Structures are given as structure tokens and as C-alpha cells.
Amino acid sequence: MILLLPMLFGCIEDDWNGQPYTGYDGAGTSGTDTGSSPGAAGITGEWVSEGADLATLLADEPFNYLRVDASFGASGIYEVVGEDADGTLWPLIGTWSVTEGTPGAIALDQTEPYAATAAGIWQVDGDVLTYEVVQTSPDYGFQAPTTGSGFGSSTGPGLTPGVNVQTYRWIP
């Protein structure tokens, strides 16, 4: 987001060129090495969030996202792509690592469209992924939720409790 990075897709580094996403051309294997079922490999897999599942932060101004697709590959590569009301795609690509738990912790090292770090929590229950992360570097004043603080506990400029909690559905 998710979004993921400040406020899951929030701020964009000052030197980003602002061009919309035209497709991933990196060397990652995102989307090709996912688990066979949700929960069997934790967060690994293909996920989609749309409609009522979208975090309020992403569904409302200024993002106006209609859908967010997330792929967490077993190789440690992730690709999260938000689609706004104009059909423009906004990607976040990098590497991920998790600590198992209920919820578990997640760390994201984004490489595209700019370098950033995000942290947060995740939990899979059946075919539903609950996910909340914020960008922690570059630092825009956001505090990531922790396994002890639970979902809805992101803090920082413009965040109210629960606004940054994203729900995804597993794509078989």
C-alpha cells in the first residue's frame, strides 16, 4: 500500500518523476512463485482488495483507489499495485520478510518507484489477509503498528485509528 508506504502509497519521494506505472520490467519473480493456498505459506500468494475491503485511507481522497493487487512471492519479492479511479496503476516493488505470529510482523524494502522502508503487521485467517503498514524511511512521521499494539494502531500525520487497515482476499 500498502499503501503501503507512508500510509500505504502516501507520500512520494521528491525526486520521483510522477509517471504512471506501465508494467514491471525488473528481474523479480513476483506473481510466479506463490504458495498453493492461503495460510499454508503465510502471506505468500496473490491477494486482491477492492470495494468494502479497501482501507478507508486508500478509497478516499487523495488516492481514490478502486483496487489494490498484492503479490508476495516465496522468493521474497513483492509487488503491490494500486489502481485509481482514472485507471492509473501505482506500483510498489521490493523485497519482504515476515515474522510469524498472530498478528505477525512484516518489513518491506521497496526498490521501485523509489527506495523506501516500511513496517507493520499482517494476519491470514482462511483466505483473508489483514494488513497494515506505514513507511518508516524516509521518515515522514509515521509510527508502524506492532504485534503488541494490533491492527488500527498506525499513527502519524492524517491517520486516525483503523483508517490504514487493509483487507485482502486470496486469489487461487
Protein backbone atom coordinates (compact mmCIF):
# COMPACT_ATOMS: atom_id res chain seq x y z
CA MET A 1 0.00 0.00 0.00
CA ILE A 2 0.02 -0.60 1.46
CA LEU A 3 -0.05 1.95 0.72
CA LEU A 4 1.79 0.61 1.92
CA LEU A 5 4.38 3.19 2.33
CA PRO A 6 3.68 6.22 4.08
CA MET A 7 0.08 5.43 4.68
CA LEU A 8 0.39 2.69 2.11
CA PHE A 9 1.11 4.65 -1.06
CA GLY A 10 1.06 8.07 0.64
CA CYS A 11 3.99 10.36 0.03
CA ILE A 12 6.28 10.04 -2.92
CA GLU A 13 9.94 10.87 -2.72
CA ASP A 14 10.71 14.33 -4.08
CA ASP A 15 12.82 13.06 -7.00
CA TRP A 16 10.21 10.57 -8.29
CA ASN A 17 9.23 11.55 -11.85
CA GLY A 18 5.49 11.08 -11.22
CA GLN A 19 4.96 8.90 -14.28
CA PRO A 20 2.21 6.28 -14.03
CA TYR A 21 3.06 2.59 -13.92
CA THR A 22 3.38 0.94 -17.33
CA GLY A 23 4.41 -2.52 -16.22
CA TYR A 24 7.08 -4.16 -14.14
CA ASP A 25 10.31 -4.60 -16.07
CA GLY A 26 12.58 -5.67 -13.22
CA ALA A 27 14.19 -9.02 -12.66
CA GLY A 28 11.90 -10.16 -9.82
CA THR A 29 9.69 -13.20 -9.91
CA SER A 30 6.66 -11.59 -8.34
CA GLY A 31 3.49 -13.46 -9.09
CA THR A 32 5.16 -16.66 -10.24
CA ASP A 33 6.27 -18.40 -7.06
CA THR A 34 3.36 -18.14 -4.69
CA GLY A 35 2.02 -20.70 -2.25
CA SER A 36 -0.70 -23.16 -3.20
CA SER A 37 -3.19 -21.94 -0.61
CA PRO A 38 -3.51 -19.10 1.85
CA GLY A 39 -2.11 -19.81 5.27
CA ALA A 40 -0.05 -22.74 4.00
CA ALA A 41 2.82 -20.36 3.36
CA GLY A 42 1.69 -17.41 5.49
CA ILE A 43 1.42 -14.23 3.49
CA THR A 44 2.93 -15.78 0.34
CA GLY A 45 0.48 -15.61 -2.54
CA GLU A 46 -1.66 -13.40 -4.72
CA TRP A 47 -4.16 -11.11 -2.99
CA VAL A 48 -6.75 -8.53 -4.05
CA SER A 49 -8.53 -5.76 -2.17
CA GLU A 50 -11.47 -3.86 -3.62
CA GLY A 51 -14.81 -2.41 -2.64
CA ALA A 52 -15.54 -2.54 1.08
CA ASP A 53 -12.20 -4.33 1.70
CA LEU A 54 -10.15 -1.25 0.76
CA ALA A 55 -8.65 0.72 3.61
CA THR A 56 -10.55 3.99 4.07
CA LEU A 57 -7.25 5.80 3.57
CA LEU A 58 -6.90 4.37 0.06
CA ALA A 59 -10.54 4.53 -1.02
CA ASP A 60 -10.92 8.22 -0.18
CA GLU A 61 -9.15 11.40 -1.32
CA PRO A 62 -6.44 11.87 -2.37
CA PHE A 63 -5.90 8.29 -3.57
CA ASN A 64 -9.35 7.22 -4.80
CA TYR A 65 -8.21 3.64 -5.29
CA LEU A 66 -10.70 1.17 -6.67
CA ARG A 67 -8.46 -1.87 -6.26
CA VAL A 68 -5.12 -2.97 -4.86
CA ASP A 69 -3.40 -6.17 -6.01
CA ALA A 70 -0.61 -7.60 -3.86
CA SER A 71 1.79 -10.41 -4.70
CA PHE A 72 4.17 -11.79 -2.08
CA GLY A 73 6.47 -14.28 -3.79
CA ALA A 74 8.21 -17.15 -2.00
CA SER A 75 11.48 -15.68 -3.31
CA GLY A 76 10.96 -12.61 -1.09
CA ILE A 77 9.89 -10.25 -3.89
CA TYR A 78 6.67 -8.27 -3.53
CA GLU A 79 4.67 -6.17 -5.95
CA VAL A 80 1.70 -4.12 -4.77
CA VAL A 81 -0.21 -2.19 -7.42
CA GLY A 82 -3.00 0.26 -6.65
CA GLU A 83 -5.48 1.24 -9.35
CA ASP A 84 -7.14 4.62 -9.01
CA ALA A 85 -10.50 5.83 -10.33
CA ASP A 86 -8.82 7.05 -13.54
CA GLY A 87 -7.39 3.58 -14.25
CA THR A 88 -3.84 4.68 -13.44
CA LEU A 89 -1.69 1.99 -11.84
CA TRP A 90 0.63 2.85 -8.94
CA PRO A 91 3.25 0.17 -8.15
CA LEU A 92 5.40 -0.58 -5.14
CA ILE A 93 8.06 -3.24 -5.73
CA GLY A 94 10.76 -4.61 -3.46
CA THR A 95 11.60 -7.35 -1.00
CA TRP A 96 9.73 -8.52 2.07
CA SER A 97 10.30 -10.55 5.21
CA VAL A 98 7.93 -11.56 7.98
CA THR A 99 7.88 -12.84 11.49
CA GLU A 100 5.11 -15.36 12.06
CA GLY A 101 2.58 -14.57 14.77
CA THR A 102 -1.00 -13.53 15.40
CA PRO A 103 -0.52 -10.95 14.09
CA GLY A 104 2.94 -11.30 12.57
CA ALA A 105 5.39 -8.50 11.79
CA ILE A 106 6.36 -7.52 8.23
CA ALA A 107 9.29 -5.49 6.89
CA LEU A 108 9.32 -4.15 3.33
CA ASP A 109 12.35 -2.78 1.50
CA GLN A 110 10.93 -1.00 -1.52
CA THR A 111 13.11 -0.51 -4.60
CA GLU A 112 10.58 0.87 -7.11
CA PRO A 113 9.42 3.53 -7.85
CA TYR A 114 11.87 4.83 -5.21
CA ALA A 115 13.82 3.41 -2.27
CA ALA A 116 11.86 3.27 0.98
CA THR A 117 11.34 1.08 4.03
CA ALA A 118 8.01 0.18 5.57
CA ALA A 119 6.96 -1.86 8.57
CA GLY A 120 3.75 -3.18 10.02
CA ILE A 121 1.69 -6.24 10.81
CA TRP A 122 -0.23 -8.93 8.94
CA GLN A 123 -2.50 -11.87 9.67
CA VAL A 124 -4.03 -14.58 7.49
CA ASP A 125 -7.32 -16.20 8.52
CA GLY A 126 -8.56 -18.65 5.90
CA ASP A 127 -8.48 -16.78 2.59
CA VAL A 128 -8.40 -13.29 4.20
CA LEU A 129 -5.25 -11.25 4.76
CA THR A 130 -5.46 -8.33 7.18
CA TYR A 131 -2.56 -5.96 6.62
CA GLU A 132 -1.38 -2.61 8.00
CA VAL A 133 1.94 -0.95 7.18
CA VAL A 134 3.43 2.54 7.02
CA GLN A 135 6.58 3.98 5.53
CA THR A 136 9.29 4.40 8.14
CA SER A 137 12.17 5.60 5.92
CA PRO A 138 12.36 8.22 4.56
CA ASP A 139 10.73 9.35 7.77
CA TYR A 140 7.50 11.34 7.36
CA GLY A 141 6.46 10.99 10.99
CA PHE A 142 4.53 7.71 10.87
CA GLN A 143 4.71 5.02 13.55
CA ALA A 144 4.07 1.48 12.39
CA PRO A 145 1.67 -0.82 14.20
CA THR A 146 3.34 -3.60 16.15
CA THR A 147 2.29 -7.11 17.05
CA GLY A 148 1.62 -5.80 20.57
CA SER A 149 -0.42 -2.74 19.52
CA GLY A 150 -2.61 -4.58 16.99
CA PHE A 151 -4.49 -3.51 13.89
CA GLY A 152 -5.65 0.07 13.64
CA SER A 153 -2.74 1.44 15.63
CA SER A 154 -0.71 3.22 12.92
CA THR A 155 -0.06 6.80 13.92
CA GLY A 156 1.18 9.88 12.15
CA PRO A 157 0.05 12.86 10.10
CA GLY A 158 -3.50 12.39 8.83
CA LEU A 159 -4.02 8.94 10.33
CA THR A 160 -6.94 8.11 12.58
CA PRO A 161 -7.36 4.70 14.23
CA GLY A 162 -8.27 1.99 11.72
CA VAL A 163 -8.08 4.11 8.56
CA ASN A 164 -4.96 2.25 7.33
CA VAL A 165 -6.13 -1.35 7.85
CA GLN A 166 -6.34 -3.18 4.53
CA THR A 167 -8.26 -6.42 3.88
CA TYR A 168 -7.20 -8.68 1.02
CA ARG A 169 -8.79 -11.81 -0.42
CA TRP A 170 -6.62 -14.67 -1.65
CA ILE A 171 -6.63 -15.30 -5.41
CA PRO A 172 -6.42 -19.07 -6.05
